[in-house]
PDB file of N, CA and C in Angstrom:
ATOM      1  N   MET A   1     -36.540  76.280  -4.442  1.00  0.00           N
ATOM      2  CA  MET A   1     -35.518  77.164  -3.945  1.00  0.00           C
ATOM      3  C   MET A   1     -36.049  78.591  -3.776  1.00  0.00           C
ATOM      4  N   VAL A   2     -36.767  79.048  -4.762  1.00  0.00           N
ATOM      5  CA  VAL A   2     -37.281  80.411  -4.697  1.00  0.00           C
ATOM      6  C   VAL A   2     -38.190  80.576  -3.477  1.00  0.00           C
ATOM      7  N   GLU A   3     -38.998  79.575  -3.197  1.00  0.00           N
ATOM      8  CA  GLU A   3     -39.894  79.666  -2.045  1.00  0.00           C
ATOM      9  C   GLU A   3     -39.109  79.715  -0.736  1.00  0.00           C
ATOM     10  N   SER A   4     -38.031  78.972  -0.642  1.00  0.00           N
ATOM     11  CA  SER A   4     -37.226  79.030   0.585  1.00  0.00           C
ATOM     12  C   SER A   4     -36.591  80.412   0.736  1.00  0.00           C
ATOM     13  N   TRP A   5     -36.131  81.003  -0.375  1.00  0.00           N
ATOM     14  CA  TRP A   5     -35.580  82.366  -0.316  1.00  0.00           C
ATOM     15  C   TRP A   5     -36.669  83.344   0.135  1.00  0.00           C
ATOM     16  N   ARG A   6     -37.852  83.204  -0.425  1.00  0.00           N
ATOM     17  CA  ARG A   6     -38.956  84.100  -0.061  1.00  0.00           C
ATOM     18  C   ARG A   6     -39.284  84.011   1.429  1.00  0.00           C
ATOM     19  N   ARG A   7     -39.287  82.797   1.943  1.00  0.00           N
ATOM     20  CA  ARG A   7     -39.597  82.619   3.366  1.00  0.00           C
ATOM     21  C   ARG A   7     -38.549  83.290   4.244  1.00  0.00           C
ATOM     22  N   ILE A   8     -37.303  83.152   3.876  1.00  0.00           N
ATOM     23  CA  ILE A   8     -36.225  83.798   4.629  1.00  0.00           C
ATOM     24  C   ILE A   8     -36.350  85.318   4.521  1.00  0.00           C
ATOM     25  N   ALA A   9     -36.604  85.804   3.321  1.00  0.00           N
ATOM     26  CA  ALA A   9     -36.722  87.251   3.103  1.00  0.00           C
ATOM     27  C   ALA A   9     -37.929  87.833   3.831  1.00  0.00           C
ATOM     28  N   ARG A  10     -39.074  87.143   3.774  1.00  0.00           N
ATOM     29  CA  ARG A  10     -40.277  87.644   4.452  1.00  0.00           C
ATOM     30  C   ARG A  10     -40.087  87.746   5.964  1.00  0.00           C
ATOM     31  N   SER A  11     -39.242  86.880   6.501  1.00  0.00           N
ATOM     32  CA  SER A  11     -38.989  86.910   7.948  1.00  0.00           C
ATOM     33  C   SER A  11     -37.863  87.882   8.298  1.00  0.00           C
ATOM     34  N   HIS A  12     -37.361  88.603   7.295  1.00  0.00           N
ATOM     35  CA  HIS A  12     -36.237  89.531   7.481  1.00  0.00           C
ATOM     36  C   HIS A  12     -35.018  88.815   8.047  1.00  0.00           C
ATOM     37  N   GLY A  13     -34.836  87.552   7.656  1.00  0.00           N
ATOM     38  CA  GLY A  13     -33.689  86.778   8.108  1.00  0.00           C
ATOM     39  C   GLY A  13     -33.860  86.193   9.491  1.00  0.00           C
ATOM     40  N   GLY A  14     -35.067  86.231  10.027  1.00  0.00           N
ATOM     41  CA  GLY A  14     -35.281  85.767  11.391  1.00  0.00           C
ATOM     42  C   GLY A  14     -35.797  84.348  11.528  1.00  0.00           C
ATOM     43  N   LEU A  15     -36.107  83.702  10.417  1.00  0.00           N
ATOM     44  CA  LEU A  15     -36.658  82.356  10.464  1.00  0.00           C
ATOM     45  C   LEU A  15     -35.519  81.340  10.544  1.00  0.00           C
ATOM     46  N   PRO A  16     -35.532  80.452  11.532  1.00  0.00           N
ATOM     47  CA  PRO A  16     -34.478  79.432  11.615  1.00  0.00           C
ATOM     48  C   PRO A  16     -34.464  78.540  10.374  1.00  0.00           C
ATOM     49  N   VAL A  17     -33.278  78.161   9.947  1.00  0.00           N
ATOM     50  CA  VAL A  17     -33.130  77.335   8.753  1.00  0.00           C
ATOM     51  C   VAL A  17     -33.895  76.017   8.906  1.00  0.00           C
ATOM     52  N   SER A  18     -33.894  75.461  10.099  1.00  0.00           N
ATOM     53  CA  SER A  18     -34.611  74.200  10.310  1.00  0.00           C
ATOM     54  C   SER A  18     -36.109  74.365  10.039  1.00  0.00           C
ATOM     55  N   LEU A  19     -36.658  75.508  10.385  1.00  0.00           N
ATOM     56  CA  LEU A  19     -38.071  75.768  10.130  1.00  0.00           C
ATOM     57  C   LEU A  19     -38.336  75.959   8.635  1.00  0.00           C
ATOM     58  N   VAL A  20     -37.434  76.644   7.948  1.00  0.00           N
ATOM     59  CA  VAL A  20     -37.559  76.803   6.490  1.00  0.00           C
ATOM     60  C   VAL A  20     -37.544  75.422   5.838  1.00  0.00           C
ATOM     61  N   ALA A  21     -36.607  74.581   6.261  1.00  0.00           N
ATOM     62  CA  ALA A  21     -36.512  73.221   5.702  1.00  0.00           C
ATOM     63  C   ALA A  21     -37.810  72.456   5.937  1.00  0.00           C
ATOM     64  N   ASP A  22     -38.340  72.533   7.147  1.00  0.00           N
ATOM     65  CA  ASP A  22     -39.606  71.861   7.447  1.00  0.00           C
ATOM     66  C   ASP A  22     -40.735  72.376   6.559  1.00  0.00           C
ATOM     67  N   GLU A  23     -40.778  73.691   6.381  1.00  0.00           N
ATOM     68  CA  GLU A  23     -41.866  74.294   5.600  1.00  0.00           C
ATOM     69  C   GLU A  23     -41.815  73.918   4.120  1.00  0.00           C
ATOM     70  N   VAL A  24     -40.600  73.717   3.585  1.00  0.00           N
ATOM     71  CA  VAL A  24     -40.507  73.335   2.171  1.00  0.00           C
ATOM     72  C   VAL A  24     -40.431  71.815   2.004  1.00  0.00           C
ATOM     73  N   GLY A  25     -40.417  71.088   3.120  1.00  0.00           N
ATOM     74  CA  GLY A  25     -40.477  69.635   3.067  1.00  0.00           C
ATOM     75  C   GLY A  25     -39.152  68.938   2.803  1.00  0.00           C
ATOM     76  N   TRP A  26     -38.041  69.574   3.138  1.00  0.00           N
ATOM     77  CA  TRP A  26     -36.726  68.986   2.938  1.00  0.00           C
ATOM     78  C   TRP A  26     -35.999  68.900   4.263  1.00  0.00           C
ATOM     79  N   SER A  27     -34.959  68.087   4.287  1.00  0.00           N
ATOM     80  CA  SER A  27     -34.091  68.077   5.462  1.00  0.00           C
ATOM     81  C   SER A  27     -33.247  69.349   5.441  1.00  0.00           C
ATOM     82  N   ARG A  28     -32.752  69.716   6.591  1.00  0.00           N
ATOM     83  CA  ARG A  28     -31.916  70.919   6.664  1.00  0.00           C
ATOM     84  C   ARG A  28     -30.669  70.758   5.787  1.00  0.00           C
ATOM     85  N   ARG A  29     -30.096  69.567   5.802  1.00  0.00           N
ATOM     86  CA  ARG A  29     -28.891  69.313   5.010  1.00  0.00           C
ATOM     87  C   ARG A  29     -29.177  69.432   3.510  1.00  0.00           C
ATOM     88  N   HIS A  30     -30.291  68.857   3.064  1.00  0.00           N
ATOM     89  CA  HIS A  30     -30.645  68.940   1.642  1.00  0.00           C
ATOM     90  C   HIS A  30     -30.917  70.391   1.243  1.00  0.00           C
ATOM     91  N   LEU A  31     -31.646  71.110   2.078  1.00  0.00           N
ATOM     92  CA  LEU A  31     -31.918  72.521   1.791  1.00  0.00           C
ATOM     93  C   LEU A  31     -30.618  73.310   1.693  1.00  0.00           C
ATOM     94  N   ASN A  32     -29.717  73.087   2.629  1.00  0.00           N
ATOM     95  CA  ASN A  32     -28.452  73.819   2.630  1.00  0.00           C
ATOM     96  C   ASN A  32     -27.678  73.578   1.330  1.00  0.00           C
ATOM     97  N   GLY A  33     -27.566  72.325   0.909  1.00  0.00           N
ATOM     98  CA  GLY A  33     -26.833  72.011  -0.316  1.00  0.00           C
ATOM     99  C   GLY A  33     -27.488  72.574  -1.562  1.00  0.00           C
ATOM    100  N   ALA A  34     -28.802  72.392  -1.673  1.00  0.00           N
ATOM    101  CA  ALA A  34     -29.523  72.881  -2.851  1.00  0.00           C
ATOM    102  C   ALA A  34     -29.520  74.413  -2.896  1.00  0.00           C
ATOM    103  N   PHE A  35     -29.694  75.040  -1.740  1.00  0.00           N
ATOM    104  CA  PHE A  35     -29.714  76.500  -1.657  1.00  0.00           C
ATOM    105  C   PHE A  35     -28.351  77.058  -2.077  1.00  0.00           C
ATOM    106  N   ARG A  36     -27.301  76.454  -1.555  1.00  0.00           N
ATOM    107  CA  ARG A  36     -25.940  76.901  -1.879  1.00  0.00           C
ATOM    108  C   ARG A  36     -25.654  76.714  -3.375  1.00  0.00           C
ATOM    109  N   ALA A  37     -26.097  75.604  -3.938  1.00  0.00           N
ATOM    110  CA  ALA A  37     -25.884  75.364  -5.368  1.00  0.00           C
ATOM    111  C   ALA A  37     -26.626  76.395  -6.220  1.00  0.00           C
ATOM    112  N   GLU A  38     -27.814  76.785  -5.784  1.00  0.00           N
ATOM    113  CA  GLU A  38     -28.629  77.737  -6.552  1.00  0.00           C
ATOM    114  C   GLU A  38     -28.176  79.183  -6.388  1.00  0.00           C
ATOM    115  N   PHE A  39     -27.869  79.597  -5.136  1.00  0.00           N
ATOM    116  CA  PHE A  39     -27.620  81.016  -4.850  1.00  0.00           C
ATOM    117  C   PHE A  39     -26.165  81.354  -4.513  1.00  0.00           C
ATOM    118  N   GLY A  40     -25.336  80.337  -4.306  1.00  0.00           N
ATOM    119  CA  GLY A  40     -23.928  80.601  -4.010  1.00  0.00           C
ATOM    120  C   GLY A  40     -23.619  80.815  -2.534  1.00  0.00           C
ATOM    121  N   ILE A  41     -24.649  80.876  -1.721  1.00  0.00           N
ATOM    122  CA  ILE A  41     -24.495  80.964  -0.271  1.00  0.00           C
ATOM    123  C   ILE A  41     -25.559  80.079   0.363  1.00  0.00           C
ATOM    124  N   GLY A  42     -25.326  79.687   1.597  1.00  0.00           N
ATOM    125  CA  GLY A  42     -26.303  78.862   2.288  1.00  0.00           C
ATOM    126  C   GLY A  42     -27.448  79.699   2.834  1.00  0.00           C
ATOM    127  N   PRO A  43     -28.512  79.052   3.275  1.00  0.00           N
ATOM    128  CA  PRO A  43     -29.659  79.790   3.801  1.00  0.00           C
ATOM    129  C   PRO A  43     -29.332  80.590   5.063  1.00  0.00           C
ATOM    130  N   LYS A  44     -28.434  80.105   5.891  1.00  0.00           N
ATOM    131  CA  LYS A  44     -28.059  80.845   7.088  1.00  0.00           C
ATOM    132  C   LYS A  44     -27.318  82.133   6.726  1.00  0.00           C
ATOM    133  N   GLU A  45     -26.435  82.046   5.733  1.00  0.00           N
ATOM    134  CA  GLU A  45     -25.720  83.234   5.276  1.00  0.00           C
ATOM    135  C   GLU A  45     -26.674  84.222   4.604  1.00  0.00           C
ATOM    136  N   ALA A  46     -27.650  83.688   3.858  1.00  0.00           N
ATOM    137  CA  ALA A  46     -28.641  84.559   3.228  1.00  0.00           C
ATOM    138  C   ALA A  46     -29.440  85.303   4.293  1.00  0.00           C
ATOM    139  N   ALA A  47     -29.835  84.589   5.341  1.00  0.00           N
ATOM    140  CA  ALA A  47     -30.568  85.235   6.437  1.00  0.00           C
ATOM    141  C   ALA A  47     -29.723  86.330   7.080  1.00  0.00           C
ATOM    142  N   ARG A  48     -28.459  86.073   7.236  1.00  0.00           N
ATOM    143  CA  ARG A  48     -27.548  87.061   7.834  1.00  0.00           C
ATOM    144  C   ARG A  48     -27.463  88.315   6.966  1.00  0.00           C
ATOM    145  N   VAL A  49     -27.319  88.133   5.662  1.00  0.00           N
ATOM    146  CA  VAL A  49     -27.222  89.271   4.751  1.00  0.00           C
ATOM    147  C   VAL A  49     -28.534  90.056   4.729  1.00  0.00           C
ATOM    148  N   ILE A  50     -29.657  89.358   4.721  1.00  0.00           N
ATOM    149  CA  ILE A  50     -30.961  90.026   4.728  1.00  0.00           C
ATOM    150  C   ILE A  50     -31.155  90.813   6.020  1.00  0.00           C
ATOM    151  N   ARG A  51     -30.794  90.214   7.147  1.00  0.00           N
ATOM    152  CA  ARG A  51     -30.895  90.895   8.449  1.00  0.00           C
ATOM    153  C   ARG A  51     -29.987  92.133   8.473  1.00  0.00           C
ATOM    154  N   PHE A  52     -28.758  91.969   7.966  1.00  0.00           N
ATOM    155  CA  PHE A  52     -27.818  93.093   7.900  1.00  0.00           C
ATOM    156  C   PHE A  52     -28.366  94.212   7.011  1.00  0.00           C
ATOM    157  N   ASP A  53     -28.913  93.849   5.852  1.00  0.00           N
ATOM    158  CA  ASP A  53     -29.425  94.871   4.937  1.00  0.00           C
ATOM    159  C   ASP A  53     -30.560  95.656   5.574  1.00  0.00           C
ATOM    160  N   ARG A  54     -31.414  94.975   6.300  1.00  0.00           N
ATOM    161  CA  ARG A  54     -32.501  95.669   7.008  1.00  0.00           C
ATOM    162  C   ARG A  54     -31.926  96.638   8.044  1.00  0.00           C
ATOM    163  N   ALA A  55     -30.943  96.180   8.792  1.00  0.00           N
ATOM    164  CA  ALA A  55     -30.321  97.040   9.802  1.00  0.00           C
ATOM    165  C   ALA A  55     -29.647  98.241   9.144  1.00  0.00           C
ATOM    166  N   ARG A  56     -28.932  98.005   8.059  1.00  0.00           N
ATOM    167  CA  ARG A  56     -28.246  99.089   7.345  1.00  0.00           C
ATOM    168  C   ARG A  56     -29.238 100.144   6.875  1.00  0.00           C
ATOM    169  N   ARG A  57     -30.353  99.696   6.343  1.00  0.00           N
ATOM    170  CA  ARG A  57     -31.372 100.636   5.873  1.00  0.00           C
ATOM    171  C   ARG A  57     -31.979 101.429   7.035  1.00  0.00           C
ATOM    172  N   MET A  58     -32.218 100.736   8.143  1.00  0.00           N
ATOM    173  CA  MET A  58     -32.785 101.422   9.316  1.00  0.00           C
ATOM    174  C   MET A  58     -31.805 102.447   9.877  1.00  0.00           C
ATOM    175  N   ILE A  59     -30.538 102.091   9.923  1.00  0.00           N
ATOM    176  CA  ILE A  59     -29.523 103.008  10.443  1.00  0.00           C
ATOM    177  C   ILE A  59     -29.468 104.258   9.579  1.00  0.00           C
ATOM    178  N   THR A  60     -29.567 104.082   8.284  1.00  0.00           N
ATOM    179  CA  THR A  60     -29.510 105.214   7.353  1.00  0.00           C
ATOM    180  C   THR A  60     -30.755 106.087   7.435  1.00  0.00           C
ATOM    181  N   ALA A  61     -31.918 105.469   7.585  1.00  0.00           N
ATOM    182  CA  ALA A  61     -33.183 106.180   7.431  1.00  0.00           C
ATOM    183  C   ALA A  61     -33.831 106.659   8.722  1.00  0.00           C
ATOM    184  N   SER A  62     -33.370 106.209   9.870  1.00  0.00           N
ATOM    185  CA  SER A  62     -34.102 106.550  11.089  1.00  0.00           C
ATOM    186  C   SER A  62     -33.206 107.166  12.147  1.00  0.00           C
ATOM    187  N   ARG A  63     -33.843 107.607  13.181  1.00  0.00           N
ATOM    188  CA  ARG A  63     -33.120 108.158  14.319  1.00  0.00           C
ATOM    189  C   ARG A  63     -33.054 107.158  15.469  1.00  0.00           C
ATOM    190  N   ALA A  64     -33.375 105.913  15.187  1.00  0.00           N
ATOM    191  CA  ALA A  64     -33.335 104.870  16.208  1.00  0.00           C
ATOM    192  C   ALA A  64     -31.894 104.652  16.665  1.00  0.00           C
ATOM    193  N   THR A  65     -31.744 104.286  17.904  1.00  0.00           N
ATOM    194  CA  THR A  65     -30.411 103.965  18.411  1.00  0.00           C
ATOM    195  C   THR A  65     -29.963 102.638  17.820  1.00  0.00           C
ATOM    196  N   LEU A  66     -28.672 102.384  17.876  1.00  0.00           N
ATOM    197  CA  LEU A  66     -28.162 101.111  17.375  1.00  0.00           C
ATOM    198  C   LEU A  66     -28.726  99.940  18.172  1.00  0.00           C
ATOM    199  N   ALA A  67     -28.933 100.138  19.454  1.00  0.00           N
ATOM    200  CA  ALA A  67     -29.535  99.082  20.271  1.00  0.00           C
ATOM    201  C   ALA A  67     -30.962  98.789  19.810  1.00  0.00           C
ATOM    202  N   GLU A  68     -31.712  99.821  19.471  1.00  0.00           N
ATOM    203  CA  GLU A  68     -33.082  99.636  18.978  1.00  0.00           C
ATOM    204  C   GLU A  68     -33.074  98.941  17.619  1.00  0.00           C
ATOM    205  N   VAL A  69     -32.165  99.355  16.743  1.00  0.00           N
ATOM    206  CA  VAL A  69     -32.050  98.712  15.432  1.00  0.00           C
ATOM    207  C   VAL A  69     -31.700  97.239  15.611  1.00  0.00           C
ATOM    208  N   ALA A  70     -30.757  96.957  16.482  1.00  0.00           N
ATOM    209  CA  ALA A  70     -30.354  95.569  16.732  1.00  0.00           C
ATOM    210  C   ALA A  70     -31.547  94.734  17.196  1.00  0.00           C
ATOM    211  N   ALA A  71     -32.318  95.267  18.113  1.00  0.00           N
ATOM    212  CA  ALA A  71     -33.475  94.527  18.645  1.00  0.00           C
ATOM    213  C   ALA A  71     -34.528  94.273  17.565  1.00  0.00           C
ATOM    214  N   VAL A  72     -34.835  95.287  16.774  1.00  0.00           N
ATOM    215  CA  VAL A  72     -35.851  95.157  15.726  1.00  0.00           C
ATOM    216  C   VAL A  72     -35.407  94.172  14.644  1.00  0.00           C
ATOM    217  N   CYS A  73     -34.110  94.168  14.352  1.00  0.00           N
ATOM    218  CA  CYS A  73     -33.604  93.354  13.246  1.00  0.00           C
ATOM    219  C   CYS A  73     -33.215  91.933  13.645  1.00  0.00           C
ATOM    220  N   GLY A  74     -33.398  91.588  14.914  1.00  0.00           N
ATOM    221  CA  GLY A  74     -33.171  90.206  15.319  1.00  0.00           C
ATOM    222  C   GLY A  74     -31.777  89.877  15.804  1.00  0.00           C
ATOM    223  N   TYR A  75     -30.978  90.884  16.080  1.00  0.00           N
ATOM    224  CA  TYR A  75     -29.664  90.647  16.674  1.00  0.00           C
ATOM    225  C   TYR A  75     -29.839  90.440  18.172  1.00  0.00           C
ATOM    226  N   THR A  76     -28.943  89.684  18.775  1.00  0.00           N
ATOM    227  CA  THR A  76     -29.077  89.435  20.213  1.00  0.00           C
ATOM    228  C   THR A  76     -28.835  90.701  21.017  1.00  0.00           C
ATOM    229  N   ASP A  77     -27.967  91.572  20.521  1.00  0.00           N
ATOM    230  CA  ASP A  77     -27.701  92.849  21.183  1.00  0.00           C
ATOM    231  C   ASP A  77     -26.930  93.753  20.222  1.00  0.00           C
ATOM    232  N   GLN A  78     -26.608  94.947  20.671  1.00  0.00           N
ATOM    233  CA  GLN A  78     -25.921  95.909  19.817  1.00  0.00           C
ATOM    234  C   GLN A  78     -24.534  95.418  19.414  1.00  0.00           C
ATOM    235  N   SER A  79     -23.835  94.732  20.302  1.00  0.00           N
ATOM    236  CA  SER A  79     -22.492  94.256  19.949  1.00  0.00           C
ATOM    237  C   SER A  79     -22.560  93.185  18.851  1.00  0.00           C
ATOM    238  N   HIS A  80     -23.639  92.390  18.827  1.00  0.00           N
ATOM    239  CA  HIS A  80     -23.847  91.417  17.754  1.00  0.00           C
ATOM    240  C   HIS A  80     -24.022  92.153  16.419  1.00  0.00           C
ATOM    241  N   LEU A  81     -24.819  93.215  16.421  1.00  0.00           N
ATOM    242  CA  LEU A  81     -24.987  94.048  15.227  1.00  0.00           C
ATOM    243  C   LEU A  81     -23.639  94.625  14.801  1.00  0.00           C
ATOM    244  N   ASN A  82     -22.891  95.163  15.745  1.00  0.00           N
ATOM    245  CA  ASN A  82     -21.591  95.758  15.431  1.00  0.00           C
ATOM    246  C   ASN A  82     -20.634  94.733  14.821  1.00  0.00           C
ATOM    247  N   ARG A  83     -20.607  93.508  15.368  1.00  0.00           N
ATOM    248  CA  ARG A  83     -19.723  92.461  14.833  1.00  0.00           C
ATOM    249  C   ARG A  83     -20.103  92.107  13.401  1.00  0.00           C
ATOM    250  N   ASP A  84     -21.395  91.908  13.147  1.00  0.00           N
ATOM    251  CA  ASP A  84     -21.831  91.599  11.786  1.00  0.00           C
ATOM    252  C   ASP A  84     -21.516  92.752  10.841  1.00  0.00           C
ATOM    253  N   PHE A  85     -21.752  93.942  11.288  1.00  0.00           N
ATOM    254  CA  PHE A  85     -21.484  95.122  10.468  1.00  0.00           C
ATOM    255  C   PHE A  85     -20.008  95.183  10.099  1.00  0.00           C
ATOM    256  N   LYS A  86     -19.151  94.971  11.076  1.00  0.00           N
ATOM    257  CA  LYS A  86     -17.701  95.017  10.848  1.00  0.00           C
ATOM    258  C   LYS A  86     -17.275  93.917   9.872  1.00  0.00           C
ATOM    259  N   LEU A  87     -17.824  92.718  10.035  1.00  0.00           N
ATOM    260  CA  LEU A  87     -17.471  91.616   9.137  1.00  0.00           C
ATOM    261  C   LEU A  87     -17.936  91.858   7.707  1.00  0.00           C
ATOM    262  N   LEU A  88     -19.093  92.483   7.546  1.00  0.00           N
ATOM    263  CA  LEU A  88     -19.655  92.664   6.209  1.00  0.00           C
ATOM    264  C   LEU A  88     -19.245  93.965   5.524  1.00  0.00           C
ATOM    265  N   THR A  89     -18.842  94.978   6.304  1.00  0.00           N
ATOM    266  CA  THR A  89     -18.458  96.252   5.688  1.00  0.00           C
ATOM    267  C   THR A  89     -17.021  96.658   5.971  1.00  0.00           C
ATOM    268  N   GLY A  90     -16.411  96.043   6.979  1.00  0.00           N
ATOM    269  CA  GLY A  90     -15.053  96.413   7.346  1.00  0.00           C
ATOM    270  C   GLY A  90     -14.982  97.553   8.342  1.00  0.00           C
ATOM    271  N   THR A  91     -16.130  98.039   8.785  1.00  0.00           N
ATOM    272  CA  THR A  91     -16.154  99.146   9.737  1.00  0.00           C
ATOM    273  C   THR A  91     -17.384  99.002  10.639  1.00  0.00           C
ATOM    274  N   ASN A  92     -17.475  99.869  11.627  1.00  0.00           N
ATOM    275  CA  ASN A  92     -18.648  99.830  12.511  1.00  0.00           C
ATOM    276  C   ASN A  92     -19.733 100.766  11.967  1.00  0.00           C
ATOM    277  N   PRO A  93     -20.957 100.641  12.451  1.00  0.00           N
ATOM    278  CA  PRO A  93     -22.053 101.452  11.893  1.00  0.00           C
ATOM    279  C   PRO A  93     -21.824 102.961  11.980  1.00  0.00           C
ATOM    280  N   THR A  94     -21.282 103.427  13.076  1.00  0.00           N
ATOM    281  CA  THR A  94     -21.071 104.867  13.232  1.00  0.00           C
ATOM    282  C   THR A  94     -20.050 105.388  12.235  1.00  0.00           C
ATOM    283  N   SER A  95     -18.931 104.694  12.091  1.00  0.00           N
ATOM    284  CA  SER A  95     -17.918 105.113  11.111  1.00  0.00           C
ATOM    285  C   SER A  95     -18.465 105.031   9.697  1.00  0.00           C
ATOM    286  N   TRP A  96     -19.238 103.991   9.426  1.00  0.00           N
ATOM    287  CA  TRP A  96     -19.839 103.843   8.108  1.00  0.00           C
ATOM    288  C   TRP A  96     -20.720 105.040   7.783  1.00  0.00           C
ATOM    289  N   LEU A  97     -21.545 105.454   8.735  1.00  0.00           N
ATOM    290  CA  LEU A  97     -22.406 106.621   8.525  1.00  0.00           C
ATOM    291  C   LEU A  97     -21.585 107.878   8.277  1.00  0.00           C
ATOM    292  N   ASP A  98     -20.511 108.023   9.025  1.00  0.00           N
ATOM    293  CA  ASP A  98     -19.677 109.218   8.916  1.00  0.00           C
ATOM    294  C   ASP A  98     -18.815 109.238   7.660  1.00  0.00           C
ATOM    295  N   ASP A  99     -18.337 108.065   7.218  1.00  0.00           N
ATOM    296  CA  ASP A  99     -17.305 108.020   6.190  1.00  0.00           C
ATOM    297  C   ASP A  99     -17.780 107.661   4.797  1.00  0.00           C
ATOM    298  N   ASP A 100     -18.879 106.981   4.649  1.00  0.00           N
ATOM    299  CA  ASP A 100     -19.323 106.516   3.336  1.00  0.00           C
ATOM    300  C   ASP A 100     -19.972 107.667   2.567  1.00  0.00           C
ATOM    301  N   PRO A 101     -19.393 108.071   1.430  1.00  0.00           N
ATOM    302  CA  PRO A 101     -19.940 109.223   0.691  1.00  0.00           C
ATOM    303  C   PRO A 101     -21.355 108.999   0.178  1.00  0.00           C
ATOM    304  N   ILE A 102     -21.696 107.772  -0.164  1.00  0.00           N
ATOM    305  CA  ILE A 102     -23.047 107.494  -0.668  1.00  0.00           C
ATOM    306  C   ILE A 102     -24.062 107.655   0.467  1.00  0.00           C
ATOM    307  N   VAL A 103     -23.704 107.165   1.641  1.00  0.00           N
ATOM    308  CA  VAL A 103     -24.589 107.311   2.792  1.00  0.00           C
ATOM    309  C   VAL A 103     -24.772 108.795   3.124  1.00  0.00           C
ATOM    310  N   ARG A 104     -23.678 109.553   3.069  1.00  0.00           N
ATOM    311  CA  ARG A 104     -23.769 110.989   3.369  1.00  0.00           C
ATOM    312  C   ARG A 104     -24.671 111.696   2.360  1.00  0.00           C
ATOM    313  N   LEU A 105     -24.598 111.317   1.099  1.00  0.00           N
ATOM    314  CA  LEU A 105     -25.448 111.953   0.082  1.00  0.00           C
ATOM    315  C   LEU A 105     -26.927 111.620   0.308  1.00  0.00           C
ATOM    316  N   SER A 106     -27.204 110.393   0.713  1.00  0.00           N
ATOM    317  CA  SER A 106     -28.599 110.003   0.898  1.00  0.00           C
ATOM    318  C   SER A 106     -29.167 110.540   2.188  1.00  0.00           C
ATOM    319  N   GLY A 107     -28.295 110.918   3.141  1.00  0.00           N
ATOM    320  CA  GLY A 107     -28.771 111.433   4.427  1.00  0.00           C
ATOM    321  C   GLY A 107     -29.136 112.857   4.311  1.00  0.00           C
TER     322      GLY A 107
END
């Protein structure tokens, strides 16, 4: 399990679950069940959170546009990044930057 997490993390959430399963020698279904039992989320959700965390850090630390962040982090486009951001934080990236006191302190 730890190796499958490492592979997902090293790819910044960009490695397809089927490829992770192949690399660790399990079926996708077996990997999904075992991963969920160990970590509480499936490998696809873990990849999503890892990809989001990378984007969040880039948005905070750089002057890159949201479209550039989306491209670097493996989102299909900026609206895909915005949708994930809204689902995981309840707001869009721009509002998050403006409204979150912790982000403002670190900026």
